[in-house]
Amino acid sequence: MKQRRVVVTGMGVVSPLGHTVDELWSNIKAGKSGIGIMTKFDTTDYPSKISGEVRDFDPSSVLDRKEMRGMADFSVYAVYAAVKAMEDAKLDDLENREFDPYKTGVYLGNGIGGFEIVEQGIEKLLTKGPRGVQPMTIPKLIANEGAGNVAIRFGVKGPCSTIVTACSSATDAIGAALHAIRYGTVDTAITGGTEGAITRLGIAGFCKIQALSTKYNDTPQKACRPFDKDRDGFIIGEGAGILVLEELEHAKSRGAHIYGEVCGYGMTCDAYHLTAPDPTGDGAARAMLAAIEEAGITPDQIDYINAHGTSTPVNDPMETKAIKRAFGAHAYKLKVSSTKSMTSHMVGAAGAVEAIISIMAIRDSFFPATINLETPDPECDLDYTPNQGVSGNIDYALSESLGFGGHNGAIVLGKYKD
């Protein structure tokens, strides 16, 4: 049986660096940071006071007030980005559909769900008792509601699932969508990830395990510095990244614009620790190699890696080891970068936004930078494209995501060739 090819025909985004793909990509190319002082709540008692917030965001062109009242932030972000992705793919005309709703699926990643709804519900419970808890509390907070709201918006009646694998959620969702199209379950998929967990509980929890940066509260745009010796933790972000994937012949039959191809996916588990990665990098390396094998290429054909690159003391040396383990001598010829240095770590949305960035990098033959890489860590000795992006051909890019629980996901994205 001939393997079905899967292509990207639409993309949408809500991020700290903009709410259109063009705005996000323009800021990435310019090396701009979307990180700033946290404004969502009073951080006086919090050791970390910075984040990648979604700012100046007006979803009213997509959702009315009643609809927004029935959604947590992560669902609002997901629906908005999905609408923009479907508009981009020219699949938004629901009266004259160019997709079969029964052969279309929604595959979204989400790490945390509606934390702000949890907090509001607990406050109501403690102050007013169970009668004070709002009727939509459960439907708003559970992680699958982002995917459910997207499916309802477009009348998608095929598979609708949510992948919850922490920071690997969006990458794993894209992988699930790839396989669903490749093996004929669906012809079209709305996929990616979403997150909205910059809340009192979310930040307190991450602070308690000393995961967030605390050293750069006065210089927030310097805080995320992957692979730099002076890094001290990640910077949490929020938003959504959505991609429309189609089986190649389905896309060609309607004259769709094709951004690139999703070629392969790999998923592994460290089975090592709930919050710390396996320091040898074995699990991450195996995920990368599995994605490359499924793509039908060899490691030396990868030109660029969009790294997980969290700017934490434990991740960056481990990830460097993983890349060396997977690529051997070719690791030193690759361009690598962590665009989290600009976007912050968008948790369940991270892999999708980084996939979009990788697709744009392939399209424009441009390697994005890792900004704030001022004093390289001796344990991190690869070419991380420090501080300024550079031009160069990219036939294949690999985007990897590594999550709490030991989850490792990687996708290979390729330049579309008919």
Protein backbone atom coordinates (compact mmCIF):
# COMPACT_ATOMS: atom_id res chain seq x y z
CA MET A 1 0.00 0.00 0.00
CA LYS A 2 1.37 3.39 -1.00
CA GLN A 3 1.98 5.63 2.02
CA ARG A 4 -0.26 8.68 2.10
CA ARG A 5 1.58 11.97 2.29
CA VAL A 6 0.50 14.66 4.76
CA VAL A 7 0.86 18.37 4.09
CA VAL A 8 0.28 21.63 5.98
CA THR A 9 -2.30 23.88 4.31
CA GLY A 10 -3.24 26.31 7.07
CA MET A 11 -1.81 27.78 10.26
CA GLY A 12 -3.08 30.02 13.05
CA VAL A 13 -1.53 31.29 16.25
CA VAL A 14 -2.10 33.20 19.48
CA SER A 15 1.21 33.95 21.18
CA PRO A 16 3.26 36.40 23.22
CA LEU A 17 4.83 37.47 19.90
CA GLY A 18 1.63 38.09 17.98
CA HIS A 19 -1.74 36.71 16.99
CA THR A 20 -1.07 36.04 13.32
CA VAL A 21 1.51 33.74 11.80
CA ASP A 22 3.07 36.63 9.88
CA GLU A 23 3.43 38.75 13.03
CA LEU A 24 4.91 35.85 14.99
CA TRP A 25 7.36 35.01 12.23
CA SER A 26 8.39 38.63 11.68
CA ASN A 27 9.21 38.98 15.38
CA ILE A 28 11.08 35.66 15.40
CA LYS A 29 13.20 36.76 12.45
CA ALA A 30 13.93 40.05 14.21
CA GLY A 31 15.02 38.26 17.39
CA LYS A 32 12.36 39.97 19.48
CA SER A 33 11.34 38.74 22.93
CA GLY A 34 7.70 38.43 23.97
CA ILE A 35 8.55 38.01 27.65
CA GLY A 36 7.62 40.65 30.21
CA ILE A 37 6.42 41.36 33.73
CA MET A 38 3.45 39.24 34.80
CA THR A 39 0.25 41.29 34.94
CA LYS A 40 -2.50 38.69 35.45
CA PHE A 41 -2.29 38.80 39.26
CA ASP A 42 -0.29 40.33 42.10
CA THR A 43 3.12 38.60 42.15
CA THR A 44 4.41 40.26 45.35
CA ASP A 45 4.79 36.92 47.17
CA TYR A 46 6.06 35.02 44.13
CA PRO A 47 9.79 34.47 43.49
CA SER A 48 9.21 34.51 39.71
CA LYS A 49 7.45 37.59 38.34
CA ILE A 50 7.81 37.22 34.57
CA SER A 51 6.01 35.32 31.82
CA GLY A 52 5.11 35.22 28.17
CA GLU A 53 1.57 36.58 28.39
CA VAL A 54 -0.82 36.93 25.50
CA ARG A 55 -1.25 40.71 25.31
CA ASP A 56 -3.54 43.01 23.29
CA PHE A 57 -5.65 40.03 22.31
CA ASP A 58 -9.20 40.68 21.10
CA PRO A 59 -11.04 37.46 20.13
CA SER A 60 -14.32 39.27 19.45
CA SER A 61 -13.96 38.83 15.68
CA VAL A 62 -14.24 35.08 16.24
CA LEU A 63 -16.19 34.63 19.50
CA ASP A 64 -19.04 36.61 21.00
CA ARG A 65 -19.31 37.35 24.73
CA LYS A 66 -21.67 34.49 25.44
CA GLU A 67 -19.35 31.99 23.79
CA MET A 68 -16.35 33.32 25.70
CA ARG A 69 -18.20 33.10 29.01
CA GLY A 70 -18.53 29.36 28.39
CA MET A 71 -14.81 28.82 27.81
CA ALA A 72 -11.59 28.88 29.78
CA ASP A 73 -8.69 30.84 28.31
CA PHE A 74 -7.08 27.78 26.74
CA SER A 75 -10.30 27.04 24.81
CA VAL A 76 -10.60 30.66 23.64
CA TYR A 77 -7.02 30.55 22.35
CA ALA A 78 -7.62 27.21 20.61
CA VAL A 79 -10.82 28.26 18.85
CA TYR A 80 -9.38 31.60 17.74
CA ALA A 81 -6.21 29.99 16.31
CA ALA A 82 -8.24 27.21 14.69
CA VAL A 83 -10.53 29.72 12.96
CA LYS A 84 -7.49 31.57 11.61
CA ALA A 85 -5.89 28.31 10.47
CA MET A 86 -9.04 27.19 8.69
CA GLU A 87 -9.37 30.61 7.05
CA ASP A 88 -5.74 30.31 5.94
CA ALA A 89 -6.46 26.86 4.49
CA LYS A 90 -9.59 28.21 2.73
CA LEU A 91 -11.70 25.64 4.57
CA ASP A 92 -13.78 28.08 6.62
CA ASP A 93 -16.81 28.17 4.32
CA LEU A 94 -19.12 25.78 6.17
CA GLU A 95 -21.98 26.20 3.71
CA ASN A 96 -19.89 25.01 0.76
CA ARG A 97 -17.61 22.57 2.56
CA GLU A 98 -14.45 21.37 0.89
CA PHE A 99 -13.87 18.84 3.64
CA ASP A 100 -15.92 15.84 4.73
CA PRO A 101 -16.82 16.37 8.42
CA TYR A 102 -16.90 12.59 8.92
CA LYS A 103 -13.36 12.25 7.53
CA THR A 104 -11.95 15.18 9.49
CA GLY A 105 -10.50 15.02 12.99
CA VAL A 106 -9.43 17.35 15.77
CA TYR A 107 -6.22 16.41 17.59
CA LEU A 108 -5.14 18.94 20.18
CA GLY A 109 -2.51 18.98 22.90
CA ASN A 110 -3.03 20.60 26.27
CA GLY A 111 -0.88 20.30 29.36
CA ILE A 112 -2.87 21.77 32.22
CA GLY A 113 -6.45 22.75 31.35
CA GLY A 114 -8.44 25.62 32.83
CA PHE A 115 -6.50 26.45 35.99
CA GLU A 116 -8.19 29.84 36.33
CA ILE A 117 -11.56 28.03 36.42
CA VAL A 118 -10.26 25.71 39.15
CA GLU A 119 -9.20 28.70 41.22
CA GLN A 120 -12.48 30.53 40.73
CA GLY A 121 -14.44 27.39 41.60
CA ILE A 122 -12.53 26.78 44.81
CA GLU A 123 -13.00 30.40 45.90
CA LYS A 124 -16.75 30.14 45.29
CA LEU A 125 -16.89 26.83 47.13
CA LEU A 126 -15.06 28.16 50.18
CA THR A 127 -16.97 31.46 50.39
CA LYS A 128 -20.47 30.43 49.29
CA GLY A 129 -20.56 26.67 49.57
CA PRO A 130 -21.45 24.22 46.79
CA ARG A 131 -24.40 26.33 45.63
CA GLY A 132 -21.97 29.08 44.68
CA VAL A 133 -20.02 26.98 42.18
CA GLN A 134 -20.85 28.02 38.63
CA PRO A 135 -22.73 25.50 36.42
CA MET A 136 -20.09 25.47 33.66
CA THR A 137 -17.14 24.89 36.01
CA ILE A 138 -16.39 21.32 34.91
CA PRO A 139 -17.04 21.79 31.16
CA LYS A 140 -14.75 24.83 31.16
CA LEU A 141 -11.80 23.42 33.10
CA ILE A 142 -11.23 19.92 31.71
CA ALA A 143 -8.45 19.59 29.16
CA ASN A 144 -10.50 18.10 26.31
CA GLU A 145 -12.83 21.09 26.04
CA GLY A 146 -10.47 22.99 23.75
CA ALA A 147 -10.72 20.22 21.16
CA GLY A 148 -14.45 19.88 21.78
CA ASN A 149 -15.07 23.57 21.16
CA VAL A 150 -13.01 23.48 17.95
CA ALA A 151 -14.96 20.47 16.68
CA ILE A 152 -18.29 22.16 17.47
CA ARG A 153 -17.19 25.34 15.70
CA PHE A 154 -16.53 23.49 12.42
CA GLY A 155 -18.98 20.61 12.72
CA VAL A 156 -16.15 18.06 12.74
CA LYS A 157 -17.65 14.61 13.31
CA GLY A 158 -14.58 12.40 12.97
CA PRO A 159 -12.16 11.65 15.83
CA CYS A 160 -11.78 14.41 18.42
CA SER A 161 -9.05 13.82 20.98
CA THR A 162 -6.82 15.62 23.43
CA ILE A 163 -3.25 14.55 24.12
CA VAL A 164 -1.99 15.41 27.61
CA THR A 165 1.75 14.76 27.76
CA ALA A 166 2.86 17.95 29.50
CA CYS A 167 5.24 20.02 27.34
CA SER A 168 5.17 17.39 24.59
CA SER A 169 1.39 17.58 24.19
CA ALA A 170 1.19 19.60 20.95
CA THR A 171 3.96 17.67 19.21
CA ASP A 172 2.27 14.39 20.15
CA ALA A 173 -1.07 15.74 18.90
CA ILE A 174 0.49 16.62 15.53
CA GLY A 175 1.99 13.12 15.44
CA ALA A 176 -1.41 11.59 16.14
CA ALA A 177 -2.96 13.67 13.34
CA LEU A 178 -0.18 12.65 10.96
CA HIS A 179 -0.82 8.97 11.64
CA ALA A 180 -4.61 9.37 11.37
CA ILE A 181 -4.25 10.85 7.88
CA ARG A 182 -1.43 8.56 6.80
CA TYR A 183 -3.40 5.43 7.68
CA GLY A 184 -6.71 6.63 6.25
CA THR A 185 -8.71 7.35 9.40
CA VAL A 186 -9.22 10.94 8.24
CA ASP A 187 -8.30 13.06 5.22
CA THR A 188 -8.10 16.38 7.09
CA ALA A 189 -7.08 17.27 10.63
CA ILE A 190 -7.12 20.36 12.80
CA THR A 191 -4.21 19.89 15.15
CA GLY A 192 -1.76 21.63 17.46
CA GLY A 193 -1.88 22.73 21.06
CA THR A 194 -3.15 25.31 23.50
CA GLU A 195 -2.42 26.52 27.02
CA GLY A 196 -3.62 29.15 29.47
CA ALA A 197 -2.05 28.44 32.86
CA ILE A 198 -0.51 31.75 33.94
CA THR A 199 -2.52 31.75 37.14
CA ARG A 200 -1.82 32.00 40.86
CA LEU A 201 -1.92 28.23 41.29
CA GLY A 202 0.05 27.49 38.12
CA ILE A 203 2.88 29.86 38.93
CA ALA A 204 2.94 28.86 42.61
CA GLY A 205 3.22 25.20 41.65
CA PHE A 206 6.07 25.74 39.21
CA CYS A 207 7.84 28.03 41.69
CA LYS A 208 7.56 25.39 44.39
CA ILE A 209 9.59 22.93 42.32
CA GLN A 210 12.07 25.70 41.43
CA ALA A 211 11.41 25.34 37.71
CA LEU A 212 10.92 29.03 36.83
CA SER A 213 13.54 31.74 36.36
CA THR A 214 13.89 34.09 39.35
CA LYS A 215 17.18 35.84 38.59
CA TYR A 216 15.94 38.15 35.83
CA ASN A 217 12.79 39.72 37.29
CA ASP A 218 14.23 43.17 36.59
CA THR A 219 15.30 42.31 33.02
CA PRO A 220 12.57 39.97 31.80
CA GLN A 221 13.58 39.95 28.14
CA LYS A 222 16.96 38.53 29.19
CA ALA A 223 15.42 35.78 31.31
CA CYS A 224 15.06 32.98 28.79
CA ARG A 225 18.62 32.06 27.77
CA PRO A 226 18.76 28.47 26.54
CA PHE A 227 22.22 26.86 26.50
CA ASP A 228 23.71 29.87 28.30
CA LYS A 229 25.81 29.32 31.41
CA ASP A 230 23.78 31.87 33.38
CA ARG A 231 20.32 30.38 32.75
CA ASP A 232 18.27 29.64 35.87
CA GLY A 233 14.87 28.30 34.79
CA PHE A 234 12.14 28.46 32.21
CA ILE A 235 9.63 31.26 31.60
CA ILE A 236 6.03 30.12 31.36
CA GLY A 237 3.92 31.29 28.44
CA GLU A 238 0.44 30.85 27.03
CA GLY A 239 -1.43 30.80 23.74
CA ALA A 240 -2.17 28.35 20.94
CA GLY A 241 -0.77 27.08 17.68
CA ILE A 242 -3.03 25.30 15.19
CA LEU A 243 -2.17 23.61 11.90
CA VAL A 244 -4.49 22.24 9.25
CA LEU A 245 -3.11 18.99 7.86
CA GLU A 246 -4.43 17.29 4.75
CA GLU A 247 -3.72 14.19 2.75
CA LEU A 248 -1.74 15.42 -0.25
CA GLU A 249 -4.21 14.42 -2.99
CA HIS A 250 -7.08 15.94 -0.99
CA ALA A 251 -5.17 19.22 -0.80
CA LYS A 252 -4.19 19.16 -4.47
CA SER A 253 -7.73 18.36 -5.61
CA ARG A 254 -8.97 21.68 -4.24
CA GLY A 255 -5.92 23.72 -5.23
CA ALA A 256 -4.80 24.35 -1.68
CA HIS A 257 -1.64 26.28 -0.87
CA ILE A 258 0.89 23.87 0.65
CA TYR A 259 3.33 25.25 3.22
CA GLY A 260 5.27 22.06 3.77
CA GLU A 261 5.05 18.40 4.63
CA VAL A 262 4.83 16.51 7.92
CA CYS A 263 7.10 13.56 7.23
CA GLY A 264 7.60 11.59 10.43
CA TYR A 265 6.90 11.35 14.14
CA GLY A 266 8.57 9.65 17.08
CA MET A 267 7.39 9.25 20.67
CA THR A 268 9.23 7.69 23.62
CA CYS A 269 9.28 7.76 27.40
CA ASP A 270 12.30 8.09 29.69
CA ALA A 271 10.66 6.08 32.49
CA TYR A 272 13.13 7.84 34.74
CA HIS A 273 11.61 10.65 36.87
CA LEU A 274 8.43 12.73 37.03
CA THR A 275 10.08 16.11 36.53
CA ALA A 276 13.73 15.47 35.58
CA PRO A 277 14.80 14.12 32.19
CA ASP A 278 17.06 11.11 31.82
CA PRO A 279 20.47 12.86 31.94
CA THR A 280 21.87 10.56 29.24
CA GLY A 281 19.39 11.90 26.67
CA ASP A 282 18.53 8.37 25.57
CA GLY A 283 14.74 8.85 25.39
CA ALA A 284 14.95 12.14 23.51
CA ALA A 285 17.47 10.67 21.07
CA ARG A 286 15.26 7.66 20.38
CA ALA A 287 12.26 9.91 19.68
CA MET A 288 14.28 11.94 17.17
CA LEU A 289 15.60 8.82 15.44
CA ALA A 290 12.11 7.30 15.29
CA ALA A 291 10.76 10.43 13.60
CA ILE A 292 13.63 10.43 11.10
CA GLU A 293 13.12 6.74 10.34
CA GLU A 294 9.41 7.22 9.75
CA ALA A 295 10.20 10.13 7.44
CA GLY A 296 12.28 7.75 5.33
CA ILE A 297 15.42 9.86 5.52
CA THR A 298 18.76 9.66 7.30
CA PRO A 299 19.94 11.82 10.21
CA ASP A 300 22.42 13.69 8.03
CA GLN A 301 19.53 15.02 5.92
CA ILE A 302 18.22 17.12 8.82
CA ASP A 303 19.34 20.73 8.39
CA TYR A 304 17.75 22.37 11.43
CA ILE A 305 16.51 21.40 14.88
CA ASN A 306 14.01 23.54 16.75
CA ALA A 307 15.11 22.38 20.19
CA HIS A 308 13.04 21.97 23.32
CA GLY A 309 15.60 24.37 24.82
CA THR A 310 13.86 25.37 28.05
CA SER A 311 16.69 27.40 29.63
CA THR A 312 16.68 25.14 32.70
CA PRO A 313 19.91 23.88 34.27
CA VAL A 314 19.01 20.21 33.69
CA ASN A 315 17.36 20.27 30.24
CA ASP A 316 19.92 22.00 28.06
CA PRO A 317 22.99 19.79 28.70
CA MET A 318 20.80 16.68 28.46
CA GLU A 319 19.31 17.83 25.17
CA THR A 320 22.77 18.53 23.80
CA LYS A 321 23.76 14.95 24.68
CA ALA A 322 20.58 13.65 23.04
CA ILE A 323 21.30 15.48 19.78
CA LYS A 324 24.86 14.12 19.74
CA ARG A 325 23.54 10.65 20.51
CA ALA A 326 21.04 10.78 17.64
CA PHE A 327 23.17 12.55 15.03
CA GLY A 328 26.77 11.62 15.80
CA ALA A 329 29.26 13.80 13.95
CA HIS A 330 26.43 15.48 12.04
CA ALA A 331 25.33 17.13 15.31
CA TYR A 332 28.16 19.64 14.87
CA LYS A 333 27.04 20.49 11.33
CA LEU A 334 23.41 21.15 12.26
CA LYS A 335 21.86 24.48 13.02
CA VAL A 336 19.97 24.28 16.31
CA SER A 337 17.95 26.95 18.06
CA SER A 338 15.50 27.40 20.88
CA THR A 339 12.82 29.86 19.88
CA LYS A 340 11.50 29.68 23.44
CA SER A 341 14.14 32.33 24.08
CA MET A 342 11.65 34.64 22.33
CA THR A 343 8.21 33.05 22.76
CA SER A 344 8.70 31.75 26.33
CA HIS A 345 7.64 28.17 27.12
CA MET A 346 4.03 27.83 26.04
CA VAL A 347 3.73 24.37 27.66
CA GLY A 348 0.95 22.45 25.87
CA ALA A 349 1.06 24.88 22.94
CA ALA A 350 4.85 24.96 22.63
CA GLY A 351 5.32 22.13 20.13
CA ALA A 352 2.67 23.50 17.78
CA VAL A 353 4.02 27.05 17.75
CA GLU A 354 7.53 25.66 17.21
CA ALA A 355 6.25 23.49 14.36
CA ILE A 356 4.77 26.60 12.75
CA ILE A 357 8.07 28.44 13.21
CA SER A 358 9.92 25.48 11.67
CA ILE A 359 7.59 25.43 8.65
CA MET A 360 8.20 29.15 8.14
CA ALA A 361 11.94 28.61 8.53
CA ILE A 362 11.84 26.02 5.75
CA ARG A 363 9.72 28.31 3.56
CA ASP A 364 12.00 31.33 3.96
CA SER A 365 15.35 29.48 4.16
CA PHE A 366 16.07 31.10 7.50
CA PHE A 367 17.47 29.65 10.72
CA PRO A 368 15.92 31.41 13.75
CA ALA A 369 18.21 32.50 16.56
CA THR A 370 18.59 31.53 20.17
CA ILE A 371 18.65 34.98 21.73
CA ASN A 372 20.38 35.81 25.05
CA LEU A 373 23.11 33.24 24.40
CA GLU A 374 25.91 35.39 25.77
CA THR A 375 28.11 33.00 27.78
CA PRO A 376 27.88 29.49 26.32
CA ASP A 377 27.69 26.62 28.78
CA PRO A 378 30.75 24.39 28.17
CA GLU A 379 28.42 21.36 28.27
CA CYS A 380 26.38 22.87 25.43
CA ASP A 381 28.81 22.99 22.53
CA LEU A 382 26.66 22.76 19.38
CA ASP A 383 25.76 25.54 16.93
CA TYR A 384 22.70 27.08 18.61
CA THR A 385 22.49 30.01 16.16
CA PRO A 386 23.36 32.53 18.88
CA ASN A 387 21.58 35.90 19.07
CA GLN A 388 20.92 36.45 15.37
CA GLY A 389 19.18 34.32 12.78
CA VAL A 390 20.95 33.45 9.54
CA SER A 391 19.90 32.54 6.02
CA GLY A 392 20.39 29.04 4.65
CA ASN A 393 18.55 26.26 2.87
CA ILE A 394 16.42 23.90 4.95
CA ASP A 395 15.06 20.77 3.30
CA TYR A 396 14.20 19.03 6.56
CA ALA A 397 13.68 20.39 10.05
CA LEU A 398 13.13 18.46 13.24
CA SER A 399 11.09 19.91 16.11
CA GLU A 400 11.31 18.18 19.47
CA SER A 401 9.38 18.51 22.72
CA LEU A 402 10.19 16.94 26.07
CA GLY A 403 7.71 16.90 28.95
CA PHE A 404 7.33 16.17 32.64
CA GLY A 405 6.72 12.47 33.14
CA GLY A 406 9.55 11.64 30.74
CA HIS A 407 7.48 12.22 27.58
CA ASN A 408 9.53 12.80 24.41
CA GLY A 409 8.04 13.75 21.05
CA ALA A 410 9.67 14.71 17.75
CA ILE A 411 8.36 15.53 14.29
CA VAL A 412 10.19 15.87 10.99
CA LEU A 413 8.93 18.65 8.73
CA GLY A 414 9.98 18.90 5.11
CA LYS A 415 10.01 21.24 2.16
CA TYR A 416 7.12 20.25 -0.08
CA LYS A 417 8.22 18.65 -3.34
CA ASP A 418 5.57 17.36 -5.71
